[in-house]
Amino acid sequence: MSDIINLKQFKKRKARASKEVEASANRVLFGRTKAEKSFDKTQSEKDERFLEQNKLEPRNTGSSEAETE
């Protein structure tokens, strides 16, 4: 004969196991420290400023624009 299994306990163990798997995945995705987040934010702001300062503007030649219109 086999052992008697309580289905409520079995379902609870299964639910806990699936929650643990999901939690470990979330730790990898969202488990960054405050310092890491602020460093990334500062770095992205610095990169945006650099790109904005070095953006190339199109030349304005008055005679060629008047001819195309």
C-alpha atoms as a PDB file:
ATOM      1  CA  MET A   1       0.000   0.000   0.000  1.00  0.00           C
ATOM      2  CA  SER A   2       1.034   3.575  -0.555  1.00  0.00           C
ATOM      3  CA  ASP A   3       1.166   6.362   1.989  1.00  0.00           C
ATOM      4  CA  ILE A   4      -1.781   8.636   2.546  1.00  0.00           C
ATOM      5  CA  ILE A   5      -1.217  12.110   1.100  1.00  0.00           C
ATOM      6  CA  ASN A   6      -2.992  15.205   2.297  1.00  0.00           C
ATOM      7  CA  LEU A   7      -3.927  17.089  -0.888  1.00  0.00           C
ATOM      8  CA  LYS A   8      -4.143  20.474   0.849  1.00  0.00           C
ATOM      9  CA  GLN A   9      -0.555  20.180   2.030  1.00  0.00           C
ATOM     10  CA  PHE A  10       0.554  18.963  -1.396  1.00  0.00           C
ATOM     11  CA  LYS A  11      -1.079  21.952  -3.127  1.00  0.00           C
ATOM     12  CA  LYS A  12       0.448  24.378  -0.608  1.00  0.00           C
ATOM     13  CA  ARG A  13       3.945  22.913  -1.116  1.00  0.00           C
ATOM     14  CA  LYS A  14       3.540  23.141  -4.879  1.00  0.00           C
ATOM     15  CA  ALA A  15       2.354  26.768  -4.666  1.00  0.00           C
ATOM     16  CA  ARG A  16       5.274  27.697  -2.381  1.00  0.00           C
ATOM     17  CA  ALA A  17       7.740  26.113  -4.788  1.00  0.00           C
ATOM     18  CA  SER A  18       6.340  28.003  -7.782  1.00  0.00           C
ATOM     19  CA  LYS A  19       6.352  31.278  -5.832  1.00  0.00           C
ATOM     20  CA  GLU A  20       9.979  30.689  -4.867  1.00  0.00           C
ATOM     21  CA  VAL A  21      10.949  30.183  -8.512  1.00  0.00           C
ATOM     22  CA  GLU A  22       9.160  33.405  -9.473  1.00  0.00           C
ATOM     23  CA  ALA A  23      10.759  35.285  -6.579  1.00  0.00           C
ATOM     24  CA  SER A  24      14.255  34.189  -7.576  1.00  0.00           C
ATOM     25  CA  ALA A  25      13.619  35.387 -11.134  1.00  0.00           C
ATOM     26  CA  ASN A  26      12.407  38.768  -9.813  1.00  0.00           C
ATOM     27  CA  ARG A  27      15.494  39.072  -7.600  1.00  0.00           C
ATOM     28  CA  VAL A  28      17.654  38.824 -10.684  1.00  0.00           C
ATOM     29  CA  LEU A  29      15.593  41.353 -12.639  1.00  0.00           C
ATOM     30  CA  PHE A  30      14.798  43.925  -9.962  1.00  0.00           C
ATOM     31  CA  GLY A  31      17.283  43.229  -7.174  1.00  0.00           C
ATOM     32  CA  ARG A  32      19.647  46.120  -7.755  1.00  0.00           C
ATOM     33  CA  THR A  33      20.941  48.301  -4.963  1.00  0.00           C
ATOM     34  CA  LYS A  34      20.090  51.971  -4.664  1.00  0.00           C
ATOM     35  CA  ALA A  35      23.689  52.847  -5.520  1.00  0.00           C
ATOM     36  CA  GLU A  36      23.536  50.830  -8.742  1.00  0.00           C
ATOM     37  CA  LYS A  37      20.275  52.493  -9.754  1.00  0.00           C
ATOM     38  CA  SER A  38      21.564  56.012  -9.052  1.00  0.00           C
ATOM     39  CA  PHE A  39      24.826  55.279 -10.912  1.00  0.00           C
ATOM     40  CA  ASP A  40      22.908  54.110 -13.995  1.00  0.00           C
ATOM     41  CA  LYS A  41      20.630  57.154 -13.836  1.00  0.00           C
ATOM     42  CA  THR A  42      23.590  59.529 -13.542  1.00  0.00           C
ATOM     43  CA  GLN A  43      25.420  57.771 -16.380  1.00  0.00           C
ATOM     44  CA  SER A  44      22.404  57.968 -18.710  1.00  0.00           C
ATOM     45  CA  GLU A  45      21.921  61.676 -17.939  1.00  0.00           C
ATOM     46  CA  LYS A  46      25.600  62.280 -18.655  1.00  0.00           C
ATOM     47  CA  ASP A  47      25.330  60.414 -21.963  1.00  0.00           C
ATOM     48  CA  GLU A  48      22.238  62.411 -22.967  1.00  0.00           C
ATOM     49  CA  ARG A  49      24.006  65.720 -22.201  1.00  0.00           C
ATOM     50  CA  PHE A  50      27.032  64.634 -24.218  1.00  0.00           C
ATOM     51  CA  LEU A  51      24.892  63.729 -27.233  1.00  0.00           C
ATOM     52  CA  GLU A  52      22.920  66.971 -26.993  1.00  0.00           C
ATOM     53  CA  GLN A  53      26.103  69.062 -26.852  1.00  0.00           C
ATOM     54  CA  ASN A  54      27.654  67.264 -29.826  1.00  0.00           C
ATOM     55  CA  LYS A  55      24.586  67.160 -32.024  1.00  0.00           C
ATOM     56  CA  LEU A  56      25.256  68.264 -35.586  1.00  0.00           C
ATOM     57  CA  GLU A  57      22.955  70.936 -36.911  1.00  0.00           C
ATOM     58  CA  PRO A  58      22.159  71.126 -40.644  1.00  0.00           C
ATOM     59  CA  ARG A  59      23.751  74.045 -42.460  1.00  0.00           C
ATOM     60  CA  ASN A  60      21.478  76.902 -43.449  1.00  0.00           C
ATOM     61  CA  THR A  61      22.301  78.104 -46.926  1.00  0.00           C
ATOM     62  CA  GLY A  62      19.831  80.826 -47.834  1.00  0.00           C
ATOM     63  CA  SER A  63      20.140  80.539 -51.619  1.00  0.00           C
ATOM     64  CA  SER A  64      19.555  76.771 -51.865  1.00  0.00           C
ATOM     65  CA  GLU A  65      16.481  76.849 -49.610  1.00  0.00           C
ATOM     66  CA  ALA A  66      14.885  79.628 -51.623  1.00  0.00           C
ATOM     67  CA  GLU A  67      15.419  77.680 -54.853  1.00  0.00           C
ATOM     68  CA  THR A  68      13.825  74.483 -53.502  1.00  0.00           C
ATOM     69  CA  GLU A  69      10.642  76.190 -52.336  1.00  0.00           C
END
